[in-house]
Amino acid sequence: MRPSTQAVLLTLGAVALYAALRNMPDTHCSFLHASHEPLVIDGAAFCGEDEEANFYDPAALGFPFALRLEPSDDLSGGSLRILDEAKRPVPPHLFAVSHTRQLHLHLRQGDLYAHLHPEPSPDGTWSFRLPPEWAGRFLGGRVEAYADFQHARSRRTILVSAEPVWFTLHGRAEPSEAPVVASWAGPAPELRAGESVTLNIRLSRASGGPVELRPVMGALGHSVLFSEDGRPGYAHIHPSFTGRERGSEPELAFRLRLPPAGRYVLFVHVDDAGREAYARVPLVVK
């Protein structure tokens, strides 16, 4: 092969690999973008200016890992394992710390959502408990489950999913008021599939008084987008800095490339004066 031809092929291969890596998922904003390093302001991490999250269906990405969940005997939580291609549990030492934790588990059913951090055992089993607020509202049945972690060897972020079925925990759901309410900061935006947008969310206390944001997993907030139409997948989004994160009704900005048209719900996870809370905002993408 002529040297010039070999050089061209090597260049094309490098470009293709770089493009593929740019499109790999990442739970912290995006992957291999120019400003991938997070901004740290007053001890809280923010995404860089050119970074955005994407809506991914882990099953469609084809990672060679599988998520298996089982409810605990008292149905107050459960355990999980991440299996490799040989169906063996991935040992805990291969989970790197990402956003202060080794493993992020997202559970969703209807208007219930929880961002959990299971604790590992040496045999590769991870245990978790459902949040107290689920106790009177979760009726059991099918649950959307997504987990993301950074592999310690490849340093890539891995996404896996499952739809376990919990047995019924209670006879009926009890309504409860969210301690923090999320709303649009300004007019509701026009959302069109495939476009890059910044979702500006204002937070207020349902009972009145100022919201006092504190870092949770290193950031002033996290948000996760789910489909309301049964589309599998999710987007795990961290805030971008705007300077409006303080005040009695702080605002958080989440940059996202919008998924296909449909109905979605954005869950915003914050720490308000030492108490973690979830607020939700409905979205319609056209």
C-alpha atoms as a PDB file:
ATOM      1  CA  MET A   1       0.000   0.000   0.000  1.00  0.00           C
ATOM      2  CA  ARG A   2       1.323   3.407  -0.942  1.00  0.00           C
ATOM      3  CA  PRO A   3       2.301   5.606   2.040  1.00  0.00           C
ATOM      4  CA  SER A   4      -0.125   8.353   0.950  1.00  0.00           C
ATOM      5  CA  THR A   5      -3.020   5.870   0.763  1.00  0.00           C
ATOM      6  CA  GLN A   6      -2.121   4.444   4.163  1.00  0.00           C
ATOM      7  CA  ALA A   7      -2.013   7.944   5.661  1.00  0.00           C
ATOM      8  CA  VAL A   8      -5.462   8.745   4.247  1.00  0.00           C
ATOM      9  CA  LEU A   9      -6.941   5.513   5.607  1.00  0.00           C
ATOM     10  CA  LEU A  10      -5.433   6.104   9.036  1.00  0.00           C
ATOM     11  CA  THR A  11      -6.789   9.648   9.065  1.00  0.00           C
ATOM     12  CA  LEU A  12     -10.275   8.512   8.055  1.00  0.00           C
ATOM     13  CA  GLY A  13     -10.170   5.822  10.738  1.00  0.00           C
ATOM     14  CA  ALA A  14      -9.174   8.335  13.390  1.00  0.00           C
ATOM     15  CA  VAL A  15     -11.944  10.720  12.319  1.00  0.00           C
ATOM     16  CA  ALA A  16     -14.511   7.909  12.405  1.00  0.00           C
ATOM     17  CA  LEU A  17     -13.363   6.827  15.880  1.00  0.00           C
ATOM     18  CA  TYR A  18     -13.524  10.402  17.173  1.00  0.00           C
ATOM     19  CA  ALA A  19     -17.037  10.829  15.754  1.00  0.00           C
ATOM     20  CA  ALA A  20     -18.138   7.585  17.362  1.00  0.00           C
ATOM     21  CA  LEU A  21     -16.714   8.619  20.731  1.00  0.00           C
ATOM     22  CA  ARG A  22     -18.489  11.976  20.529  1.00  0.00           C
ATOM     23  CA  ASN A  23     -21.783  10.138  20.151  1.00  0.00           C
ATOM     24  CA  MET A  24     -21.222   7.795  23.082  1.00  0.00           C
ATOM     25  CA  PRO A  25     -23.469   8.611  26.045  1.00  0.00           C
ATOM     26  CA  ASP A  26     -22.250  10.350  29.150  1.00  0.00           C
ATOM     27  CA  THR A  27     -24.173  11.139  32.300  1.00  0.00           C
ATOM     28  CA  HIS A  28     -22.162  14.299  32.884  1.00  0.00           C
ATOM     29  CA  CYS A  29     -23.302  16.559  30.046  1.00  0.00           C
ATOM     30  CA  SER A  30     -21.672  15.066  26.945  1.00  0.00           C
ATOM     31  CA  PHE A  31     -18.658  13.087  25.801  1.00  0.00           C
ATOM     32  CA  LEU A  32     -15.370  14.465  24.400  1.00  0.00           C
ATOM     33  CA  HIS A  33     -16.783  17.930  23.775  1.00  0.00           C
ATOM     34  CA  ALA A  34     -14.341  20.814  23.803  1.00  0.00           C
ATOM     35  CA  SER A  35     -15.440  22.014  27.274  1.00  0.00           C
ATOM     36  CA  HIS A  36     -16.058  18.643  28.856  1.00  0.00           C
ATOM     37  CA  GLU A  37     -14.314  19.621  32.086  1.00  0.00           C
ATOM     38  CA  PRO A  38     -17.040  20.834  34.459  1.00  0.00           C
ATOM     39  CA  LEU A  39     -17.071  24.373  35.803  1.00  0.00           C
ATOM     40  CA  VAL A  40     -16.754  24.454  39.598  1.00  0.00           C
ATOM     41  CA  ILE A  41     -18.244  27.549  41.210  1.00  0.00           C
ATOM     42  CA  ASP A  42     -18.565  27.898  44.980  1.00  0.00           C
ATOM     43  CA  GLY A  43     -18.024  24.175  45.384  1.00  0.00           C
ATOM     44  CA  ALA A  44     -20.766  23.136  42.915  1.00  0.00           C
ATOM     45  CA  ALA A  45     -20.105  21.579  39.503  1.00  0.00           C
ATOM     46  CA  PHE A  46     -21.781  22.852  36.326  1.00  0.00           C
ATOM     47  CA  CYS A  47     -21.662  21.702  32.719  1.00  0.00           C
ATOM     48  CA  GLY A  48     -19.460  23.578  30.270  1.00  0.00           C
ATOM     49  CA  GLU A  49     -20.857  26.124  27.814  1.00  0.00           C
ATOM     50  CA  ASP A  50     -20.886  23.793  24.799  1.00  0.00           C
ATOM     51  CA  GLU A  51     -22.206  20.694  26.532  1.00  0.00           C
ATOM     52  CA  GLU A  52     -25.658  19.167  26.391  1.00  0.00           C
ATOM     53  CA  ALA A  53     -27.360  15.915  27.333  1.00  0.00           C
ATOM     54  CA  ASN A  54     -29.160  13.494  25.039  1.00  0.00           C
ATOM     55  CA  PHE A  55     -32.108  11.145  25.402  1.00  0.00           C
ATOM     56  CA  TYR A  56     -30.860   7.554  25.119  1.00  0.00           C
ATOM     57  CA  ASP A  57     -32.483   4.130  25.131  1.00  0.00           C
ATOM     58  CA  PRO A  58     -29.774   1.957  26.744  1.00  0.00           C
ATOM     59  CA  ALA A  59     -31.105  -1.193  25.065  1.00  0.00           C
ATOM     60  CA  ALA A  60     -30.556   0.386  21.647  1.00  0.00           C
ATOM     61  CA  LEU A  61     -26.958   1.364  22.435  1.00  0.00           C
ATOM     62  CA  GLY A  62     -25.830  -2.247  22.592  1.00  0.00           C
ATOM     63  CA  PHE A  63     -23.461  -2.077  25.541  1.00  0.00           C
ATOM     64  CA  PRO A  64     -22.283  -5.597  26.483  1.00  0.00           C
ATOM     65  CA  PHE A  65     -23.782  -5.346  29.967  1.00  0.00           C
ATOM     66  CA  ALA A  66     -27.167  -6.219  31.467  1.00  0.00           C
ATOM     67  CA  LEU A  67     -29.086  -4.946  34.485  1.00  0.00           C
ATOM     68  CA  ARG A  68     -30.854  -7.423  36.778  1.00  0.00           C
ATOM     69  CA  LEU A  69     -33.007  -6.265  39.700  1.00  0.00           C
ATOM     70  CA  GLU A  70     -34.816  -8.173  42.433  1.00  0.00           C
ATOM     71  CA  PRO A  71     -37.150  -6.803  45.139  1.00  0.00           C
ATOM     72  CA  SER A  72     -36.189  -7.379  48.762  1.00  0.00           C
ATOM     73  CA  ASP A  73     -38.267  -9.752  50.884  1.00  0.00           C
ATOM     74  CA  ASP A  74     -40.043  -6.889  52.649  1.00  0.00           C
ATOM     75  CA  LEU A  75     -40.535  -5.031  49.335  1.00  0.00           C
ATOM     76  CA  SER A  76     -38.961  -1.884  50.765  1.00  0.00           C
ATOM     77  CA  GLY A  77     -36.092  -1.950  48.309  1.00  0.00           C
ATOM     78  CA  GLY A  78     -34.092  -4.461  46.381  1.00  0.00           C
ATOM     79  CA  SER A  79     -30.801  -5.577  44.948  1.00  0.00           C
ATOM     80  CA  LEU A  80     -29.217  -5.457  41.528  1.00  0.00           C
ATOM     81  CA  ARG A  81     -26.339  -6.861  39.561  1.00  0.00           C
ATOM     82  CA  ILE A  82     -24.609  -5.569  36.439  1.00  0.00           C
ATOM     83  CA  LEU A  83     -23.712  -8.587  34.296  1.00  0.00           C
ATOM     84  CA  ASP A  84     -21.034  -8.719  31.622  1.00  0.00           C
ATOM     85  CA  GLU A  85     -21.182 -10.639  28.327  1.00  0.00           C
ATOM     86  CA  ALA A  86     -20.442 -13.912  30.129  1.00  0.00           C
ATOM     87  CA  LYS A  87     -23.390 -13.252  32.524  1.00  0.00           C
ATOM     88  CA  ARG A  88     -20.967 -12.699  35.412  1.00  0.00           C
ATOM     89  CA  PRO A  89     -21.484  -9.859  37.915  1.00  0.00           C
ATOM     90  CA  VAL A  90     -19.122  -6.970  37.291  1.00  0.00           C
ATOM     91  CA  PRO A  91     -17.043  -6.583  40.499  1.00  0.00           C
ATOM     92  CA  PRO A  92     -17.376  -3.282  42.391  1.00  0.00           C
ATOM     93  CA  HIS A  93     -13.732  -2.278  41.849  1.00  0.00           C
ATOM     94  CA  LEU A  94     -14.500  -1.823  38.131  1.00  0.00           C
ATOM     95  CA  PHE A  95     -16.997   0.952  38.902  1.00  0.00           C
ATOM     96  CA  ALA A  96     -15.227   4.316  38.902  1.00  0.00           C
ATOM     97  CA  VAL A  97     -16.559   7.209  40.956  1.00  0.00           C
ATOM     98  CA  SER A  98     -18.711   9.492  38.786  1.00  0.00           C
ATOM     99  CA  HIS A  99     -20.375  12.507  40.356  1.00  0.00           C
ATOM    100  CA  THR A 100     -19.382  11.346  43.835  1.00  0.00           C
ATOM    101  CA  ARG A 101     -20.898   7.847  43.385  1.00  0.00           C
ATOM    102  CA  GLN A 102     -19.990   4.546  41.764  1.00  0.00           C
ATOM    103  CA  LEU A 103     -23.464   3.650  40.522  1.00  0.00           C
ATOM    104  CA  HIS A 104     -26.524   5.767  39.717  1.00  0.00           C
ATOM    105  CA  LEU A 105     -29.899   4.017  39.650  1.00  0.00           C
ATOM    106  CA  HIS A 106     -33.025   5.710  38.289  1.00  0.00           C
ATOM    107  CA  LEU A 107     -36.430   4.211  39.108  1.00  0.00           C
ATOM    108  CA  ARG A 108     -39.638   5.621  37.691  1.00  0.00           C
ATOM    109  CA  GLN A 109     -43.302   4.687  37.727  1.00  0.00           C
ATOM    110  CA  GLY A 110     -45.917   7.286  36.810  1.00  0.00           C
ATOM    111  CA  ASP A 111     -45.304  10.419  38.863  1.00  0.00           C
ATOM    112  CA  LEU A 112     -42.849   8.641  41.172  1.00  0.00           C
ATOM    113  CA  TYR A 113     -39.120   8.933  40.546  1.00  0.00           C
ATOM    114  CA  ALA A 114     -36.046   8.152  42.632  1.00  0.00           C
ATOM    115  CA  HIS A 115     -32.350   8.667  41.993  1.00  0.00           C
ATOM    116  CA  LEU A 116     -30.632   6.059  44.170  1.00  0.00           C
ATOM    117  CA  HIS A 117     -27.073   4.977  44.889  1.00  0.00           C
ATOM    118  CA  PRO A 118     -26.932   1.271  45.710  1.00  0.00           C
ATOM    119  CA  GLU A 119     -24.260  -0.024  48.074  1.00  0.00           C
ATOM    120  CA  PRO A 120     -22.001  -2.823  46.783  1.00  0.00           C
ATOM    121  CA  SER A 121     -21.072  -6.209  48.191  1.00  0.00           C
ATOM    122  CA  PRO A 122     -17.846  -8.013  47.195  1.00  0.00           C
ATOM    123  CA  ASP A 123     -19.795 -10.558  45.123  1.00  0.00           C
ATOM    124  CA  GLY A 124     -21.088  -7.855  42.770  1.00  0.00           C
ATOM    125  CA  THR A 125     -24.548  -7.475  44.334  1.00  0.00           C
ATOM    126  CA  TRP A 126     -25.718  -3.912  45.029  1.00  0.00           C
ATOM    127  CA  SER A 127     -28.456  -3.153  47.567  1.00  0.00           C
ATOM    128  CA  PHE A 128     -30.819  -0.192  47.753  1.00  0.00           C
ATOM    129  CA  ARG A 129     -33.938   0.983  49.571  1.00  0.00           C
ATOM    130  CA  LEU A 130     -36.895   2.817  48.084  1.00  0.00           C
ATOM    131  CA  PRO A 131     -37.392   6.386  49.366  1.00  0.00           C
ATOM    132  CA  PRO A 132     -39.840   6.855  52.271  1.00  0.00           C
ATOM    133  CA  GLU A 133     -42.186   8.909  50.078  1.00  0.00           C
ATOM    134  CA  TRP A 134     -42.786   5.844  47.909  1.00  0.00           C
ATOM    135  CA  ALA A 135     -44.214   3.889  50.849  1.00  0.00           C
ATOM    136  CA  GLY A 136     -47.759   5.216  50.638  1.00  0.00           C
ATOM    137  CA  ARG A 137     -47.892   5.805  46.901  1.00  0.00           C
ATOM    138  CA  PHE A 138     -46.160   2.938  45.107  1.00  0.00           C
ATOM    139  CA  LEU A 139     -48.661   0.282  44.066  1.00  0.00           C
ATOM    140  CA  GLY A 140     -46.185  -2.191  42.652  1.00  0.00           C
ATOM    141  CA  GLY A 141     -46.181  -3.441  39.095  1.00  0.00           C
ATOM    142  CA  ARG A 142     -43.799  -2.601  36.272  1.00  0.00           C
ATOM    143  CA  VAL A 143     -41.070  -0.064  36.943  1.00  0.00           C
ATOM    144  CA  GLU A 144     -38.693   1.679  34.541  1.00  0.00           C
ATOM    145  CA  ALA A 145     -35.150   1.087  35.775  1.00  0.00           C
ATOM    146  CA  TYR A 146     -32.013   2.670  34.337  1.00  0.00           C
ATOM    147  CA  ALA A 147     -28.481   2.615  35.701  1.00  0.00           C
ATOM    148  CA  ASP A 148     -25.364   4.443  34.618  1.00  0.00           C
ATOM    149  CA  PHE A 149     -21.773   4.047  35.723  1.00  0.00           C
ATOM    150  CA  GLN A 150     -18.281   4.740  34.483  1.00  0.00           C
ATOM    151  CA  HIS A 151     -16.176   1.667  33.779  1.00  0.00           C
ATOM    152  CA  ALA A 152     -12.859   1.949  35.608  1.00  0.00           C
ATOM    153  CA  ARG A 153     -10.841   0.475  32.718  1.00  0.00           C
ATOM    154  CA  SER A 154     -12.356   2.079  29.648  1.00  0.00           C
ATOM    155  CA  ARG A 155     -13.476   5.285  31.464  1.00  0.00           C
ATOM    156  CA  ARG A 156     -16.595   5.192  29.310  1.00  0.00           C
ATOM    157  CA  THR A 157     -20.001   5.809  30.806  1.00  0.00           C
ATOM    158  CA  ILE A 158     -22.191   2.713  30.500  1.00  0.00           C
ATOM    159  CA  LEU A 159     -26.003   2.813  30.394  1.00  0.00           C
ATOM    160  CA  VAL A 160     -28.167  -0.228  31.110  1.00  0.00           C
ATOM    161  CA  SER A 161     -31.900  -0.699  31.604  1.00  0.00           C
ATOM    162  CA  ALA A 162     -34.526  -3.157  32.811  1.00  0.00           C
ATOM    163  CA  GLU A 163     -38.256  -3.258  33.565  1.00  0.00           C
ATOM    164  CA  PRO A 164     -38.609  -5.305  36.746  1.00  0.00           C
ATOM    165  CA  VAL A 165     -42.007  -6.044  38.247  1.00  0.00           C
ATOM    166  CA  TRP A 166     -42.540  -5.354  41.936  1.00  0.00           C
ATOM    167  CA  PHE A 167     -45.343  -7.006  43.833  1.00  0.00           C
ATOM    168  CA  THR A 168     -48.035  -4.750  45.247  1.00  0.00           C
ATOM    169  CA  LEU A 169     -46.789  -2.921  48.331  1.00  0.00           C
ATOM    170  CA  HIS A 170     -49.997  -1.245  49.449  1.00  0.00           C
ATOM    171  CA  GLY A 171     -53.683  -1.372  48.711  1.00  0.00           C
ATOM    172  CA  ARG A 172     -53.970   2.164  47.432  1.00  0.00           C
ATOM    173  CA  ALA A 173     -51.808   5.163  46.660  1.00  0.00           C
ATOM    174  CA  GLU A 174     -51.844   8.061  49.098  1.00  0.00           C
ATOM    175  CA  PRO A 175     -51.499  11.540  47.566  1.00  0.00           C
ATOM    176  CA  SER A 176     -48.716  13.719  48.897  1.00  0.00           C
ATOM    177  CA  GLU A 177     -47.591  17.233  48.142  1.00  0.00           C
ATOM    178  CA  ALA A 178     -44.090  17.780  46.803  1.00  0.00           C
ATOM    179  CA  PRO A 179     -42.088  20.054  49.144  1.00  0.00           C
ATOM    180  CA  VAL A 180     -40.465  21.814  46.165  1.00  0.00           C
ATOM    181  CA  VAL A 181     -42.384  22.920  43.077  1.00  0.00           C
ATOM    182  CA  ALA A 182     -40.774  23.333  39.648  1.00  0.00           C
ATOM    183  CA  SER A 183     -42.097  25.651  36.933  1.00  0.00           C
ATOM    184  CA  TRP A 184     -40.829  27.388  33.830  1.00  0.00           C
ATOM    185  CA  ALA A 185     -38.723  30.486  34.451  1.00  0.00           C
ATOM    186  CA  GLY A 186     -40.670  32.687  32.052  1.00  0.00           C
ATOM    187  CA  PRO A 187     -43.026  31.626  29.246  1.00  0.00           C
ATOM    188  CA  ALA A 188     -43.188  27.921  28.426  1.00  0.00           C
ATOM    189  CA  PRO A 189     -40.740  27.303  25.572  1.00  0.00           C
ATOM    190  CA  GLU A 190     -41.642  25.945  22.144  1.00  0.00           C
ATOM    191  CA  LEU A 191     -39.951  22.545  22.013  1.00  0.00           C
ATOM    192  CA  ARG A 192     -39.176  20.898  18.664  1.00  0.00           C
ATOM    193  CA  ALA A 193     -37.677  17.450  18.187  1.00  0.00           C
ATOM    194  CA  GLY A 194     -33.946  17.358  17.514  1.00  0.00           C
ATOM    195  CA  GLU A 195     -33.267  20.938  18.564  1.00  0.00           C
ATOM    196  CA  SER A 196     -30.797  21.951  21.269  1.00  0.00           C
ATOM    197  CA  VAL A 197     -32.501  23.905  24.029  1.00  0.00           C
ATOM    198  CA  THR A 198     -31.894  25.195  27.524  1.00  0.00           C
ATOM    199  CA  LEU A 199     -34.683  24.315  29.937  1.00  0.00           C
ATOM    200  CA  ASN A 200     -34.820  27.110  32.512  1.00  0.00           C
ATOM    201  CA  ILE A 201     -36.577  25.860  35.638  1.00  0.00           C
ATOM    202  CA  ARG A 202     -37.667  27.986  38.611  1.00  0.00           C
ATOM    203  CA  LEU A 203     -37.921  26.332  42.028  1.00  0.00           C
ATOM    204  CA  SER A 204     -40.196  27.381  44.893  1.00  0.00           C
ATOM    205  CA  ARG A 205     -41.375  25.889  48.167  1.00  0.00           C
ATOM    206  CA  ALA A 206     -44.920  24.597  48.251  1.00  0.00           C
ATOM    207  CA  SER A 207     -45.265  25.884  51.807  1.00  0.00           C
ATOM    208  CA  GLY A 208     -43.728  29.290  51.078  1.00  0.00           C
ATOM    209  CA  GLY A 209     -40.351  30.606  52.133  1.00  0.00           C
ATOM    210  CA  PRO A 210     -37.071  30.615  50.212  1.00  0.00           C
ATOM    211  CA  VAL A 211     -35.523  27.559  48.578  1.00  0.00           C
ATOM    212  CA  GLU A 212     -31.974  27.044  49.872  1.00  0.00           C
ATOM    213  CA  LEU A 213     -30.122  24.965  47.294  1.00  0.00           C
ATOM    214  CA  ARG A 214     -27.245  22.856  48.516  1.00  0.00           C
ATOM    215  CA  PRO A 215     -25.017  20.584  46.429  1.00  0.00           C
ATOM    216  CA  VAL A 216     -26.321  17.088  45.815  1.00  0.00           C
ATOM    217  CA  MET A 217     -23.772  14.721  44.250  1.00  0.00           C
ATOM    218  CA  GLY A 218     -21.525  17.691  43.618  1.00  0.00           C
ATOM    219  CA  ALA A 219     -24.068  19.812  41.721  1.00  0.00           C
ATOM    220  CA  LEU A 220     -26.888  22.175  42.720  1.00  0.00           C
ATOM    221  CA  GLY A 221     -29.385  19.903  41.042  1.00  0.00           C
ATOM    222  CA  HIS A 222     -29.916  17.037  38.644  1.00  0.00           C
ATOM    223  CA  SER A 223     -32.760  16.344  36.270  1.00  0.00           C
ATOM    224  CA  VAL A 224     -33.955  13.282  34.398  1.00  0.00           C
ATOM    225  CA  LEU A 225     -36.311  13.243  31.413  1.00  0.00           C
ATOM    226  CA  PHE A 226     -38.710  10.344  30.791  1.00  0.00           C
ATOM    227  CA  SER A 227     -41.332   9.687  28.131  1.00  0.00           C
ATOM    228  CA  GLU A 228     -45.015   9.784  29.063  1.00  0.00           C
ATOM    229  CA  ASP A 229     -45.915   7.855  25.895  1.00  0.00           C
ATOM    230  CA  GLY A 230     -44.062   4.628  26.653  1.00  0.00           C
ATOM    231  CA  ARG A 231     -40.914   5.468  24.671  1.00  0.00           C
ATOM    232  CA  PRO A 232     -37.989   3.669  26.345  1.00  0.00           C
ATOM    233  CA  GLY A 233     -35.026   5.724  27.461  1.00  0.00           C
ATOM    234  CA  TYR A 234     -34.084   8.720  29.536  1.00  0.00           C
ATOM    235  CA  ALA A 235     -31.833  11.772  29.660  1.00  0.00           C
ATOM    236  CA  HIS A 236     -29.750  12.452  32.771  1.00  0.00           C
ATOM    237  CA  ILE A 237     -28.961  16.173  32.825  1.00  0.00           C
ATOM    238  CA  HIS A 238     -26.767  18.349  35.025  1.00  0.00           C
ATOM    239  CA  PRO A 239     -27.181  22.135  35.220  1.00  0.00           C
ATOM    240  CA  SER A 240     -25.277  24.798  33.322  1.00  0.00           C
ATOM    241  CA  PHE A 241     -24.205  27.934  35.187  1.00  0.00           C
ATOM    242  CA  THR A 242     -26.300  31.077  34.679  1.00  0.00           C
ATOM    243  CA  GLY A 243     -25.821  33.055  37.904  1.00  0.00           C
ATOM    244  CA  ARG A 244     -29.490  32.650  38.838  1.00  0.00           C
ATOM    245  CA  GLU A 245     -28.976  29.618  41.076  1.00  0.00           C
ATOM    246  CA  ARG A 246     -29.384  31.598  44.296  1.00  0.00           C
ATOM    247  CA  GLY A 247     -32.224  33.620  45.734  1.00  0.00           C
ATOM    248  CA  SER A 248     -35.602  32.793  47.269  1.00  0.00           C
ATOM    249  CA  GLU A 249     -36.767  31.145  44.021  1.00  0.00           C
ATOM    250  CA  PRO A 250     -33.582  29.924  42.354  1.00  0.00           C
ATOM    251  CA  GLU A 251     -33.391  28.874  38.728  1.00  0.00           C
ATOM    252  CA  LEU A 252     -31.556  25.941  37.183  1.00  0.00           C
ATOM    253  CA  ALA A 253     -30.703  25.651  33.486  1.00  0.00           C
ATOM    254  CA  PHE A 254     -30.518  22.230  31.815  1.00  0.00           C
ATOM    255  CA  ARG A 255     -29.173  21.922  28.269  1.00  0.00           C
ATOM    256  CA  LEU A 256     -30.658  19.129  26.202  1.00  0.00           C
ATOM    257  CA  ARG A 257     -30.962  17.924  22.630  1.00  0.00           C
ATOM    258  CA  LEU A 258     -34.677  17.233  22.402  1.00  0.00           C
ATOM    259  CA  PRO A 259     -35.900  13.676  21.765  1.00  0.00           C
ATOM    260  CA  PRO A 260     -38.577  12.699  19.185  1.00  0.00           C
ATOM    261  CA  ALA A 261     -42.004  14.317  19.340  1.00  0.00           C
ATOM    262  CA  GLY A 262     -44.198  13.266  22.229  1.00  0.00           C
ATOM    263  CA  ARG A 263     -45.116  13.902  25.851  1.00  0.00           C
ATOM    264  CA  TYR A 264     -42.364  13.854  28.477  1.00  0.00           C
ATOM    265  CA  VAL A 265     -41.828  14.652  32.131  1.00  0.00           C
ATOM    266  CA  LEU A 266     -38.735  16.276  33.638  1.00  0.00           C
ATOM    267  CA  PHE A 267     -37.949  15.322  37.241  1.00  0.00           C
ATOM    268  CA  VAL A 268     -35.711  17.835  39.027  1.00  0.00           C
ATOM    269  CA  HIS A 269     -33.726  16.488  41.991  1.00  0.00           C
ATOM    270  CA  VAL A 270     -32.431  19.063  44.494  1.00  0.00           C
ATOM    271  CA  ASP A 271     -31.329  19.465  48.098  1.00  0.00           C
ATOM    272  CA  ASP A 272     -33.337  22.195  49.807  1.00  0.00           C
ATOM    273  CA  ALA A 273     -31.688  23.147  53.109  1.00  0.00           C
ATOM    274  CA  GLY A 274     -30.575  19.595  53.781  1.00  0.00           C
ATOM    275  CA  ARG A 275     -33.700  17.826  52.551  1.00  0.00           C
ATOM    276  CA  GLU A 276     -33.656  16.120  49.163  1.00  0.00           C
ATOM    277  CA  ALA A 277     -36.727  16.715  47.030  1.00  0.00           C
ATOM    278  CA  TYR A 278     -38.078  15.904  43.570  1.00  0.00           C
ATOM    279  CA  ALA A 279     -40.162  18.257  41.474  1.00  0.00           C
ATOM    280  CA  ARG A 280     -41.675  17.562  38.073  1.00  0.00           C
ATOM    281  CA  VAL A 281     -42.365  19.595  34.927  1.00  0.00           C
ATOM    282  CA  PRO A 282     -44.395  18.243  31.991  1.00  0.00           C
ATOM    283  CA  LEU A 283     -43.027  18.803  28.474  1.00  0.00           C
ATOM    284  CA  VAL A 284     -44.513  18.445  25.019  1.00  0.00           C
ATOM    285  CA  VAL A 285     -42.046  18.070  22.158  1.00  0.00           C
ATOM    286  CA  LYS A 286     -43.483  18.773  18.702  1.00  0.00           C
END
